[in-house]
């Protein structure tokens, strides 16, 4: 396999000019000493996808390094310089990951080398501040060096456009074409220092004010809410406590073991707020402090995790759907003009949102997986006000002052809900149960299977084709009523033997709909070598004291569905 044409061509490219002598030497050593690792690094080019690039750091075209990111930056620079733009400028941020600051400076060099003004954050910043900054400074483009919640060996390059949102059609394809045309010897690493301006406190202060403006909506005694917070070694370690304290939350304890940025994330298996184990330290401190809630953000602080107490006083971590449900319901309770606004979500998020929207007389718009499609709705539907948006993977945004998921303002909004519940002698758990009684008890479970390397990628493709051609009349004893295939843009109605079009961009996603309202969505991950299965079941909840028994029944139902997919 080391002699495949693609590997040989890439090896030849990376062992001569314009690559520096140290890189060339390391590439040669990698080939001879670690052939398996070498093959994985050279058998293909790491793709610039529809939102940017994410992958393992290292040598070669299938890795994140200054050359692969330099190629991206050169392509984007070429496009910006082709356009007649009066003020050609970009803003660049980076998170706590290993090499993020170094890579951000290299990206800045390339933009400046192409005559483009660069605003570079002086130190690490959360992704939502990058999104916010683009419109504040009137920039053409924004880049953040981050790999979100991926393992420590990963890094990434997320691209935002003029409106502060991640790139979407048609600009994404245009940039991909420009990047693919760039040869490594055309990357301009020649820095023009006069075009690079460091930015910091002024933007932070502005963001803090707007975050409080959109997130502080309650009527509570904020100083009475006891909060534990962990940044999980990430970028929110300063800004989130500042926002909460400025809003009036003075009883805030921070997890010492996780309060400082560290790209190795030494205290967790994964810095992912979707995983309950990421909050072991926060839960321990919350019990010690007798806190009401605990909060945690992922490394670039665009996703929020929350822990609350159940009726027995035991802490548990809410999933992304539950966070979204209580926050949307809370916002709608405060909203005086529901007919004028809309809420946004994704096709793999809980179907419970439709019931919430219908009963509140507010419009719900659904997009593909990925928060960029929610942010795009602000531009697509200008006649209606964007109230909020959320997705099942713990992303949420309040209002349109940030055009990406924003764990900072979302944390403030959640504290508003929690403190208001406490003032009313209740808590978030009872608030969630009220939502289940009102809208139906929906429960979801995500199953993820990892398949590494070229063989894993092929296996994921085979699995998708298998499920796409699944010949079943029922799943786990429940009638299959329809299949939505977002790759063919077609919905097949098995009851009426009818096909209809799906009017969303094509995407490799399947959704099975059952007669009892259960749903199963299947899709490959866009950022990791994984295939994901989203299971959703539901039933009625008539009384709060029936919650635990009903919850067990839904768990049984979920497990029966999962068995059908033969994991």
Protein backbone atom coordinates (compact mmCIF):
# COMPACT_ATOMS: atom_id res chain seq x y z
CA UNK A 1 0.00 0.00 0.00
CA UNK A 2 2.97 2.32 0.52
CA UNK A 3 3.57 2.09 -3.23
CA UNK A 4 0.09 3.25 -4.24
CA UNK A 5 0.18 6.10 -6.81
CA UNK A 6 -1.41 8.63 -4.44
CA UNK A 7 0.95 7.82 -1.57
CA UNK A 8 4.01 7.96 -3.85
CA UNK A 9 2.92 11.26 -5.38
CA UNK A 10 2.23 12.86 -2.01
CA UNK A 11 5.54 11.60 -0.61
CA UNK A 12 7.46 13.07 -3.55
CA UNK A 13 5.69 16.39 -3.08
CA UNK A 14 6.43 16.56 0.64
CA UNK A 15 10.14 15.74 0.30
CA UNK A 16 11.18 18.71 -1.83
CA UNK A 17 10.66 22.48 -2.08
CA UNK A 18 8.68 24.36 -0.79
CA UNK A 19 8.71 22.17 2.33
CA UNK A 20 11.39 23.10 4.88
CA UNK A 21 14.32 20.80 5.56
CA UNK A 22 13.06 19.74 8.99
CA UNK A 23 9.67 18.69 7.57
CA UNK A 24 11.35 16.74 4.77
CA UNK A 25 13.57 14.88 7.22
CA UNK A 26 10.63 14.04 9.51
CA UNK A 27 8.54 12.78 6.56
CA UNK A 28 11.37 10.44 5.48
CA UNK A 29 11.75 9.12 9.03
CA UNK A 30 8.00 8.57 9.32
CA UNK A 31 7.95 6.45 6.18
CA UNK A 32 10.79 4.20 7.30
CA UNK A 33 10.05 3.93 11.02
CA UNK A 34 6.23 4.04 11.19
CA UNK A 35 4.87 2.77 7.84
CA UNK A 36 1.28 2.33 9.06
CA UNK A 37 1.13 5.86 10.44
CA UNK A 38 2.84 7.12 7.29
CA UNK A 39 0.25 5.50 5.04
CA UNK A 40 -2.65 7.01 6.99
CA UNK A 41 -1.00 10.42 6.76
CA UNK A 42 -0.34 10.25 3.00
CA UNK A 43 -2.99 8.06 1.36
CA UNK A 44 -5.30 11.01 0.75
CA UNK A 45 -5.64 14.75 1.22
CA UNK A 46 -7.48 15.92 4.32
CA UNK A 47 -10.60 17.43 2.84
CA UNK A 48 -11.73 20.99 3.31
CA UNK A 49 -15.40 20.28 3.91
CA UNK A 50 -18.46 22.50 3.78
CA UNK A 51 -17.53 24.23 7.06
CA UNK A 52 -13.77 23.91 7.23
CA UNK A 53 -11.26 21.23 8.12
CA UNK A 54 -10.75 19.00 11.16
CA UNK A 55 -8.33 16.17 11.72
CA UNK A 56 -5.34 14.74 13.57
CA UNK A 57 -2.28 17.00 13.83
CA UNK A 58 0.90 15.77 12.19
CA UNK A 59 2.88 15.50 8.99
CA UNK A 60 1.41 14.95 5.56
CA UNK A 61 -1.58 15.96 3.43
CA UNK A 62 -4.06 13.98 5.57
CA UNK A 63 -3.09 15.86 8.73
CA UNK A 64 -3.54 19.28 10.28
CA UNK A 65 -0.31 21.28 9.94
CA UNK A 66 0.89 24.68 8.77
CA UNK A 67 1.00 23.53 5.13
CA UNK A 68 -2.50 22.05 4.88
CA UNK A 69 -3.94 25.07 6.70
CA UNK A 70 -1.73 27.39 4.66
CA UNK A 71 -3.23 25.90 1.50
CA UNK A 72 -6.73 26.59 2.82
CA UNK A 73 -5.79 30.14 3.72
CA UNK A 74 -4.17 30.82 0.37
CA UNK A 75 -7.28 29.64 -1.47
CA UNK A 76 -9.54 31.86 0.65
CA UNK A 77 -7.13 34.77 0.15
CA UNK A 78 -7.21 34.27 -3.62
CA UNK A 79 -11.01 34.46 -3.59
CA UNK A 80 -11.11 37.57 -1.38
CA UNK A 81 -8.56 39.31 -3.62
CA UNK A 82 -10.59 38.47 -6.73
CA UNK A 83 -13.64 40.21 -5.31
CA UNK A 84 -14.02 43.98 -5.36
CA UNK A 85 -14.21 44.40 -1.59
CA UNK A 86 -13.54 47.84 -0.15
CA UNK A 87 -12.32 46.55 3.22
CA UNK A 88 -10.57 43.21 2.91
CA UNK A 89 -10.13 41.91 6.43
CA UNK A 90 -10.33 38.75 8.51
CA UNK A 91 -10.50 38.02 12.22
CA UNK A 92 -8.69 34.99 13.65
CA UNK A 93 -9.24 33.25 16.99
CA UNK A 94 -7.84 30.09 18.54
CA UNK A 95 -8.75 27.80 21.41
CA UNK A 96 -6.77 25.94 24.10
CA UNK A 97 -5.66 23.04 21.93
CA UNK A 98 -2.03 22.12 21.43
CA UNK A 99 -0.60 24.14 18.52
CA UNK A 100 -3.74 26.31 18.11
CA UNK A 101 -1.86 29.55 18.81
CA UNK A 102 1.04 28.56 16.54
CA UNK A 103 -1.32 27.60 13.70
CA UNK A 104 -3.35 30.80 14.16
CA UNK A 105 -0.17 32.85 13.70
CA UNK A 106 0.75 30.89 10.57
CA UNK A 107 -2.73 31.49 9.14
CA UNK A 108 -2.36 35.20 9.98
CA UNK A 109 0.96 35.29 8.13
CA UNK A 110 -0.62 33.93 4.96
CA UNK A 111 -3.55 36.36 5.00
CA UNK A 112 -1.19 39.29 5.62
CA UNK A 113 1.16 37.99 2.94
CA UNK A 114 -1.75 38.33 0.53
CA UNK A 115 -2.36 41.96 1.52
CA UNK A 116 -5.40 41.25 3.70
CA UNK A 117 -5.90 43.02 7.04
CA UNK A 118 -5.84 40.59 10.00
CA UNK A 119 -7.43 41.06 13.42
CA UNK A 120 -5.80 38.42 15.64
CA UNK A 121 -6.95 37.77 19.19
CA UNK A 122 -4.04 38.24 21.59
CA UNK A 123 -4.90 35.05 23.48
CA UNK A 124 -7.38 32.14 23.28
CA UNK A 125 -11.07 32.94 22.88
CA UNK A 126 -14.40 31.03 22.69
CA UNK A 127 -15.77 30.41 19.21
CA UNK A 128 -18.95 32.50 19.81
CA UNK A 129 -16.79 35.59 20.37
CA UNK A 130 -15.14 34.97 16.99
CA UNK A 131 -18.58 34.84 15.34
CA UNK A 132 -19.63 37.99 17.19
CA UNK A 133 -16.44 39.82 16.25
CA UNK A 134 -16.85 39.38 12.48
CA UNK A 135 -19.92 41.62 12.28
CA UNK A 136 -18.66 44.01 14.96
CA UNK A 137 -15.50 44.72 12.97
CA UNK A 138 -17.14 44.39 9.55
CA UNK A 139 -14.79 41.63 8.40
CA UNK A 140 -15.05 39.63 5.21
CA UNK A 141 -14.19 36.38 6.90
CA UNK A 142 -13.37 34.73 10.24
CA UNK A 143 -11.25 31.71 11.15
CA UNK A 144 -11.08 29.85 14.45
CA UNK A 145 -8.48 27.20 15.17
CA UNK A 146 -10.37 24.53 17.12
CA UNK A 147 -11.45 20.91 17.03
CA UNK A 148 -14.35 21.42 19.42
CA UNK A 149 -14.73 18.35 21.67
CA UNK A 150 -12.46 15.99 19.69
CA UNK A 151 -9.59 14.12 21.42
CA UNK A 152 -6.31 16.01 22.17
CA UNK A 153 -4.52 14.88 19.00
CA UNK A 154 -7.06 16.76 16.84
CA UNK A 155 -7.23 20.34 15.66
CA UNK A 156 -9.31 22.17 13.10
CA UNK A 157 -9.96 25.23 10.99
CA UNK A 158 -13.52 26.57 10.99
CA UNK A 159 -14.44 29.23 8.45
CA UNK A 160 -17.03 31.97 8.95
CA UNK A 161 -18.27 34.54 6.47
CA UNK A 162 -19.39 38.17 6.49
CA UNK A 163 -22.62 37.63 8.46
CA UNK A 164 -20.79 35.87 11.30
CA UNK A 165 -22.08 32.39 10.44
CA UNK A 166 -20.16 29.37 9.20
CA UNK A 167 -19.87 29.16 5.45
CA UNK A 168 -22.87 27.71 3.59
CA UNK A 169 -23.83 27.37 -0.09
CA UNK A 170 -22.81 28.81 -2.44
CA UNK A 171 -19.69 30.27 -0.80
CA UNK A 172 -18.55 26.92 0.65
CA UNK A 173 -18.22 25.27 -2.77
CA UNK A 174 -16.56 28.38 -4.24
CA UNK A 175 -13.90 28.35 -1.52
CA UNK A 176 -13.35 24.58 -1.87
CA UNK A 177 -12.69 25.07 -5.61
CA UNK A 178 -10.23 27.87 -4.91
CA UNK A 179 -8.40 25.81 -2.27
CA UNK A 180 -8.16 22.76 -4.55
CA UNK A 181 -6.42 24.91 -7.19
CA UNK A 182 -3.62 25.95 -4.82
CA UNK A 183 -0.21 24.27 -5.02
CA UNK A 184 1.94 24.28 -1.88
CA UNK A 185 4.61 26.43 -3.55
CA UNK A 186 2.05 29.22 -4.02
CA UNK A 187 1.36 29.67 -0.30
CA UNK A 188 2.53 33.12 0.78
CA UNK A 189 3.97 32.67 4.25
CA UNK A 190 5.72 36.08 3.97
CA UNK A 191 4.30 38.02 6.93
CA UNK A 192 3.40 41.71 6.63
CA UNK A 193 3.41 42.76 10.28
CA UNK A 194 1.77 46.13 9.58
CA UNK A 195 -1.39 44.27 8.46
CA UNK A 196 -1.78 42.26 11.70
CA UNK A 197 -3.55 43.95 14.61
CA UNK A 198 -4.00 42.30 17.99
CA UNK A 199 -7.44 42.61 19.60
CA UNK A 200 -8.68 41.73 23.07
CA UNK A 201 -10.52 43.50 25.93
CA UNK A 202 -12.66 45.93 23.94
CA UNK A 203 -14.36 43.10 22.04
CA UNK A 204 -14.72 41.02 25.21
CA UNK A 205 -16.48 43.88 27.01
CA UNK A 206 -18.83 44.43 24.08
CA UNK A 207 -19.69 40.73 23.91
CA UNK A 208 -20.33 40.62 27.66
CA UNK A 209 -22.84 43.47 27.42
CA UNK A 210 -24.73 41.90 24.52
CA UNK A 211 -24.66 38.46 26.14
CA UNK A 212 -26.35 39.90 29.23
CA UNK A 213 -28.79 41.85 27.06
CA UNK A 214 -30.03 38.68 25.33
CA UNK A 215 -29.61 36.17 28.17
CA UNK A 216 -30.77 38.03 31.28
CA UNK A 217 -34.55 37.79 30.97
CA UNK A 218 -35.71 36.39 34.33
CA UNK A 219 -37.32 37.81 37.47
CA UNK A 220 -35.32 36.12 40.21
CA UNK A 221 -32.99 36.69 43.15
CA UNK A 222 -29.86 35.71 41.26
CA UNK A 223 -27.51 35.79 44.24
CA UNK A 224 -29.44 32.87 45.78
CA UNK A 225 -28.64 30.39 43.01
CA UNK A 226 -25.68 28.16 43.87
CA UNK A 227 -23.69 27.33 40.74
CA UNK A 228 -20.68 25.11 40.06
CA UNK A 229 -18.84 25.70 36.79
CA UNK A 230 -16.14 23.85 34.86
CA UNK A 231 -14.56 25.03 31.59
CA UNK A 232 -13.13 21.48 31.20
CA UNK A 233 -9.69 23.01 30.52
CA UNK A 234 -11.17 25.21 27.80
CA UNK A 235 -11.57 28.82 26.67
CA UNK A 236 -14.57 29.86 28.77
CA UNK A 237 -12.55 29.94 32.00
CA UNK A 238 -12.64 33.78 32.25
CA UNK A 239 -15.49 35.04 30.12
CA UNK A 240 -18.31 32.83 31.43
CA UNK A 241 -17.70 33.63 35.13
CA UNK A 242 -17.47 37.33 34.19
CA UNK A 243 -20.82 37.18 32.38
CA UNK A 244 -22.57 35.36 35.24
CA UNK A 245 -21.14 37.62 37.94
CA UNK A 246 -21.94 40.77 35.93
CA UNK A 247 -25.52 39.50 35.60
CA UNK A 248 -25.80 39.12 39.39
CA UNK A 249 -24.80 35.49 40.07
CA UNK A 250 -22.37 35.82 42.96
CA UNK A 251 -22.50 32.27 44.38
CA UNK A 252 -20.28 30.66 41.76
CA UNK A 253 -17.71 27.93 42.44
CA UNK A 254 -15.19 26.86 39.78
CA UNK A 255 -13.70 23.37 39.57
CA UNK A 256 -10.03 23.89 40.49
CA UNK A 257 -8.74 20.79 38.71
CA UNK A 258 -10.22 21.92 35.37
CA UNK A 259 -10.17 25.72 35.53
CA UNK A 260 -7.00 26.39 33.51
CA UNK A 261 -6.72 25.83 29.73
CA UNK A 262 -4.89 22.63 28.80
CA UNK A 263 -4.98 21.06 25.34
CA UNK A 264 -4.24 17.63 26.79
CA UNK A 265 -7.48 17.64 28.82
CA UNK A 266 -5.79 15.57 31.56
CA UNK A 267 -8.79 15.03 33.85
CA UNK A 268 -11.29 13.65 31.29
CA UNK A 269 -11.52 10.88 28.72
CA UNK A 270 -13.17 13.38 26.38
CA UNK A 271 -13.87 17.12 26.86
CA UNK A 272 -17.37 16.55 25.53
CA UNK A 273 -20.40 17.95 27.43
CA UNK A 274 -22.54 15.21 25.88
CA UNK A 275 -20.72 12.65 28.03
CA UNK A 276 -21.63 12.46 31.72
CA UNK A 277 -18.11 11.39 32.73
CA UNK A 278 -16.80 14.81 31.67
CA UNK A 279 -18.61 16.20 34.73
CA UNK A 280 -17.25 13.88 37.42
CA UNK A 281 -15.31 16.70 39.06
CA UNK A 282 -18.16 19.19 38.71
CA UNK A 283 -20.65 16.76 40.23
CA UNK A 284 -18.34 16.07 43.17
CA UNK A 285 -17.93 19.79 43.87
CA UNK A 286 -21.65 20.44 43.39
CA UNK A 287 -22.48 17.84 46.04
CA UNK A 288 -19.89 19.34 48.41
CA UNK A 289 -21.24 22.89 47.90
CA UNK A 290 -24.90 21.79 47.89
CA UNK A 291 -25.20 23.59 44.56
CA UNK A 292 -28.46 23.91 42.63
CA UNK A 293 -26.88 23.25 39.22
CA UNK A 294 -23.51 22.71 37.57
CA UNK A 295 -22.41 23.97 34.16
CA UNK A 296 -19.64 22.96 31.77
CA UNK A 297 -18.49 23.96 28.31
CA UNK A 298 -16.48 22.19 25.64
CA UNK A 299 -12.97 23.49 24.76
CA UNK A 300 -14.07 26.26 22.39
CA UNK A 301 -17.15 27.09 24.51
CA UNK A 302 -19.80 26.78 21.86
CA UNK A 303 -21.59 23.82 23.52
CA UNK A 304 -23.00 23.67 27.04
CA UNK A 305 -23.56 20.79 29.43
CA UNK A 306 -25.78 21.10 32.52
CA UNK A 307 -26.31 19.04 35.65
CA UNK A 308 -29.47 19.32 37.76
CA UNK A 309 -31.00 17.47 40.72
CA UNK A 310 -33.80 14.95 40.36
CA UNK A 311 -36.66 14.55 42.85
CA UNK A 312 -34.36 12.60 45.21
CA UNK A 313 -31.74 15.33 45.19
CA UNK A 314 -29.27 13.35 43.06
CA UNK A 315 -27.42 15.13 40.27
CA UNK A 316 -27.69 13.97 36.67
CA UNK A 317 -26.61 15.51 33.36
CA UNK A 318 -29.25 16.75 30.95
CA UNK A 319 -28.84 15.80 27.31
CA UNK A 320 -28.86 18.37 24.51
CA UNK A 321 -32.51 17.80 23.67
CA UNK A 322 -33.59 18.36 27.27
CA UNK A 323 -31.57 21.58 27.55
CA UNK A 324 -33.11 22.80 24.32
CA UNK A 325 -36.67 21.91 25.38
CA UNK A 326 -36.60 23.76 28.71
CA UNK A 327 -34.83 26.82 27.30
CA UNK A 328 -37.15 27.16 24.31
CA UNK A 329 -40.20 26.78 26.54
CA UNK A 330 -38.75 29.37 28.95
CA UNK A 331 -38.11 31.86 26.14
CA UNK A 332 -41.60 31.34 24.77
CA UNK A 333 -43.09 31.99 28.21
CA UNK A 334 -41.34 35.38 28.16
CA UNK A 335 -42.13 36.19 24.53
CA UNK A 336 -45.00 38.65 24.03
CA UNK A 337 -45.20 38.48 20.25
CA UNK A 338 -44.81 34.82 19.27
CA UNK A 339 -46.42 35.23 15.84
CA UNK A 340 -43.59 37.52 14.72
CA UNK A 341 -40.72 35.12 15.47
CA UNK A 342 -39.49 31.61 14.73
CA UNK A 343 -37.25 28.99 16.31
CA UNK A 344 -34.73 26.83 14.48
CA UNK A 345 -33.46 23.30 14.93
CA UNK A 346 -32.23 20.26 12.99
CA UNK A 347 -33.75 17.13 11.48
CA UNK A 348 -32.08 14.84 14.06
CA UNK A 349 -33.19 16.83 17.12
CA UNK A 350 -36.16 15.79 19.27
CA UNK A 351 -39.57 15.72 17.54
CA UNK A 352 -40.92 17.20 20.79
CA UNK A 353 -40.06 20.63 19.36
CA UNK A 354 -42.91 20.38 16.88
CA UNK A 355 -45.41 19.96 19.73
CA UNK A 356 -43.89 22.93 21.57
CA UNK A 357 -44.09 25.11 18.47
CA UNK A 358 -47.65 24.06 17.60
CA UNK A 359 -49.03 24.63 21.10
CA UNK A 360 -47.35 28.03 21.37
CA UNK A 361 -48.31 29.23 17.90
CA UNK A 362 -44.71 29.81 16.88
CA UNK A 363 -43.07 28.67 13.66
CA UNK A 364 -40.44 25.91 13.80
CA UNK A 365 -37.93 25.63 10.97
CA UNK A 366 -35.74 22.55 10.58
CA UNK A 367 -32.41 22.33 8.79
CA UNK A 368 -29.75 19.72 8.18
CA UNK A 369 -27.39 18.58 10.93
CA UNK A 370 -24.87 21.29 11.75
CA UNK A 371 -25.47 24.61 13.43
CA UNK A 372 -24.57 26.58 10.32
CA UNK A 373 -27.95 25.65 8.86
CA UNK A 374 -29.71 27.14 11.88
CA UNK A 375 -27.65 30.33 11.61
CA UNK A 376 -28.45 30.53 7.88
CA UNK A 377 -32.16 30.78 8.76
CA UNK A 378 -31.60 34.31 10.06
CA UNK A 379 -30.66 35.37 6.51
CA UNK A 380 -33.21 33.16 4.75
CA UNK A 381 -36.25 34.41 6.66
CA UNK A 382 -35.69 38.14 7.27
CA UNK A 383 -39.41 38.93 7.66
CA UNK A 384 -39.54 37.01 10.93
CA UNK A 385 -37.43 37.51 14.03
CA UNK A 386 -35.11 34.67 15.03
CA UNK A 387 -35.89 33.90 18.68
CA UNK A 388 -33.45 31.04 19.28
CA UNK A 389 -32.05 27.86 17.83
CA UNK A 390 -30.81 24.55 19.18
CA UNK A 391 -29.59 21.11 18.23
CA UNK A 392 -29.43 17.78 20.03
CA UNK A 393 -25.63 17.88 20.41
CA UNK A 394 -25.76 20.57 23.13
CA UNK A 395 -25.62 23.59 20.83
CA UNK A 396 -27.91 26.56 21.47
CA UNK A 397 -28.06 30.25 20.59
CA UNK A 398 -30.25 33.07 21.92
CA UNK A 399 -31.15 35.78 19.40
CA UNK A 400 -29.05 36.70 16.40
CA UNK A 401 -26.18 38.73 17.87
CA UNK A 402 -24.03 35.56 17.57
CA UNK A 403 -24.45 33.45 14.43
CA UNK A 404 -23.26 30.17 15.89
CA UNK A 405 -23.94 28.11 18.97
CA UNK A 406 -23.02 30.05 22.08
CA UNK A 407 -22.44 28.29 25.41
CA UNK A 408 -21.73 31.57 27.20
CA UNK A 409 -25.11 33.25 26.73
CA UNK A 410 -26.87 29.89 26.93
CA UNK A 411 -25.32 29.31 30.37
CA UNK A 412 -26.65 32.68 31.53
CA UNK A 413 -30.12 31.87 30.16
CA UNK A 414 -30.11 28.50 31.93
CA UNK A 415 -29.17 30.20 35.21
CA UNK A 416 -32.09 32.59 34.68
CA UNK A 417 -34.45 29.62 34.38
CA UNK A 418 -32.94 27.82 37.37
CA UNK A 419 -32.99 30.87 39.63
CA UNK A 420 -36.58 31.69 38.68
CA UNK A 421 -37.62 28.12 39.44
CA UNK A 422 -35.87 28.36 42.81
CA UNK A 423 -37.65 31.62 43.61
CA UNK A 424 -40.95 29.83 42.91
CA UNK A 425 -39.95 27.02 45.31
CA UNK A 426 -39.36 24.62 42.42
CA UNK A 427 -36.42 23.48 40.30
CA UNK A 428 -35.47 22.71 36.70
CA UNK A 429 -36.32 19.02 37.07
CA UNK A 430 -39.95 19.84 37.90
CA UNK A 431 -39.94 22.39 35.09
CA UNK A 432 -38.84 19.64 32.69
CA UNK A 433 -41.61 17.34 33.94
CA UNK A 434 -44.15 20.11 33.37
CA UNK A 435 -42.94 20.26 29.77
CA UNK A 436 -43.33 16.49 29.40
CA UNK A 437 -46.89 16.64 30.75
CA UNK A 438 -47.77 19.51 28.45
CA UNK A 439 -46.10 18.41 25.22
CA UNK A 440 -45.55 14.66 25.60
CA UNK A 441 -42.69 12.70 27.14
CA UNK A 442 -40.02 12.36 24.45
CA UNK A 443 -36.80 10.50 25.13
CA UNK A 444 -33.77 10.20 22.88
CA UNK A 445 -30.59 8.16 22.79
CA UNK A 446 -27.52 8.55 20.60
CA UNK A 447 -25.45 5.51 19.62
CA UNK A 448 -22.09 6.18 17.99
CA UNK A 449 -19.81 3.61 16.33
CA UNK A 450 -16.21 4.55 15.52
CA UNK A 451 -14.53 3.14 12.43
CA UNK A 452 -10.96 4.34 11.91
CA UNK A 453 -8.89 4.61 8.75
CA UNK A 454 -9.62 3.81 5.13
CA UNK A 455 -11.22 0.44 6.01
CA UNK A 456 -13.46 2.14 8.56
CA UNK A 457 -14.58 4.73 6.03
CA UNK A 458 -15.51 2.00 3.57
CA UNK A 459 -17.39 0.09 6.25
CA UNK A 460 -19.41 3.19 7.20
CA UNK A 461 -20.36 3.60 3.53
CA UNK A 462 -21.48 -0.04 3.38
CA UNK A 463 -23.54 0.39 6.54
CA UNK A 464 -25.30 3.44 5.10
CA UNK A 465 -26.15 1.56 1.91
CA UNK A 466 -27.41 -1.40 3.95
CA UNK A 467 -29.81 0.80 5.93
CA UNK A 468 -30.78 2.74 2.81
CA UNK A 469 -31.97 -0.51 1.24
CA UNK A 470 -33.48 -1.99 4.40
CA UNK A 471 -36.47 -4.18 3.53
CA UNK A 472 -38.69 -4.11 6.61
CA UNK A 473 -42.37 -3.49 7.27
CA UNK A 474 -41.81 -2.92 10.95
CA UNK A 475 -39.03 -2.17 13.45
CA UNK A 476 -39.18 -3.67 16.96
CA UNK A 477 -42.82 -4.63 16.40
CA UNK A 478 -43.92 -1.15 15.33
CA UNK A 479 -45.05 -0.41 11.79
CA UNK A 480 -42.61 1.49 9.58
CA UNK A 481 -44.61 4.27 7.94
CA UNK A 482 -41.98 6.22 6.02
CA UNK A 483 -38.31 6.64 5.15
CA UNK A 484 -36.69 10.01 4.50
CA UNK A 485 -33.54 9.82 2.40
CA UNK A 486 -31.85 13.22 2.36
CA UNK A 487 -29.26 12.06 -0.16
CA UNK A 488 -31.89 11.32 -2.80
CA UNK A 489 -34.10 14.17 -1.47
CA UNK A 490 -37.02 11.76 -1.31
CA UNK A 491 -39.53 10.65 1.30
CA UNK A 492 -41.16 7.26 0.77
CA UNK A 493 -44.61 6.89 2.37
CA UNK A 494 -45.11 3.14 2.82
CA UNK A 495 -48.73 3.46 3.97
CA UNK A 496 -49.97 5.33 0.91
CA UNK A 497 -47.28 3.98 -1.41
CA UNK A 498 -46.29 7.50 -2.35
CA UNK A 499 -43.05 9.45 -2.84
CA UNK A 500 -42.55 13.15 -2.16
CA UNK A 501 -39.59 15.49 -2.49
CA UNK A 502 -37.53 16.80 0.43
CA UNK A 503 -36.62 20.45 -0.09
CA UNK A 504 -33.32 20.60 1.78
CA UNK A 505 -29.74 20.37 0.46
CA UNK A 506 -28.62 16.82 -0.18
CA UNK A 507 -27.02 15.09 2.80
CA UNK A 508 -26.18 11.47 3.66
CA UNK A 509 -28.92 11.11 6.29
CA UNK A 510 -31.72 8.55 6.68
CA UNK A 511 -34.73 8.96 8.98
CA UNK A 512 -37.09 6.04 9.67
CA UNK A 513 -40.52 7.10 10.98
CA UNK A 514 -42.71 4.62 12.86
CA UNK A 515 -46.46 4.58 13.44
CA UNK A 516 -46.16 5.43 17.16
CA UNK A 517 -44.11 8.58 16.48
CA UNK A 518 -40.75 6.94 17.12
CA UNK A 519 -37.90 7.97 14.84
CA UNK A 520 -34.46 6.58 13.99
CA UNK A 521 -31.96 8.78 12.14
CA UNK A 522 -28.70 7.42 10.72
CA UNK A 523 -25.78 9.43 9.35
CA UNK A 524 -21.97 9.43 9.12
CA UNK A 525 -20.28 12.09 11.25
CA UNK A 526 -18.96 15.05 9.31
CA UNK A 527 -16.00 15.61 11.62
CA UNK A 528 -14.96 12.19 12.97
CA UNK A 529 -14.64 8.59 11.66
CA UNK A 530 -18.00 7.62 13.12
CA UNK A 531 -21.52 6.60 12.16
CA UNK A 532 -24.29 7.97 14.37
CA UNK A 533 -27.73 6.58 15.21
CA UNK A 534 -30.33 8.86 16.79
CA UNK A 535 -33.26 7.09 18.46
CA UNK A 536 -36.39 8.91 19.65
CA UNK A 537 -39.45 7.45 21.41
CA UNK A 538 -42.37 9.08 23.17
CA UNK A 539 -45.50 8.57 25.21
CA UNK A 540 -47.88 10.57 27.41
CA UNK A 541 -47.00 11.60 30.96
CA UNK A 542 -50.15 12.36 32.94
CA UNK A 543 -48.67 13.01 36.39
CA UNK A 544 -45.23 13.82 37.77
CA UNK A 545 -45.26 10.84 40.12
CA UNK A 546 -45.54 8.58 37.05
CA UNK A 547 -42.23 9.88 35.63
CA UNK A 548 -39.88 7.12 36.82
CA UNK A 549 -42.10 4.22 35.71
CA UNK A 550 -42.76 5.90 32.37
CA UNK A 551 -39.07 6.62 31.95
CA UNK A 552 -38.26 2.91 32.38
CA UNK A 553 -40.83 2.01 29.73
CA UNK A 554 -39.26 4.45 27.29
CA UNK A 555 -35.80 3.05 28.08
CA UNK A 556 -37.10 -0.44 27.27
CA UNK A 557 -38.56 0.85 24.02
CA UNK A 558 -35.28 2.54 23.08
CA UNK A 559 -33.31 -0.61 23.75
CA UNK A 560 -35.68 -2.66 21.61
CA UNK A 561 -35.14 -0.27 18.69
CA UNK A 562 -31.37 -0.36 19.20
CA UNK A 563 -31.39 -4.18 19.09
CA UNK A 564 -33.06 -4.05 15.67
CA UNK A 565 -30.04 -2.24 14.26
CA UNK A 566 -27.71 -5.06 15.42
CA UNK A 567 -24.88 -3.15 17.08
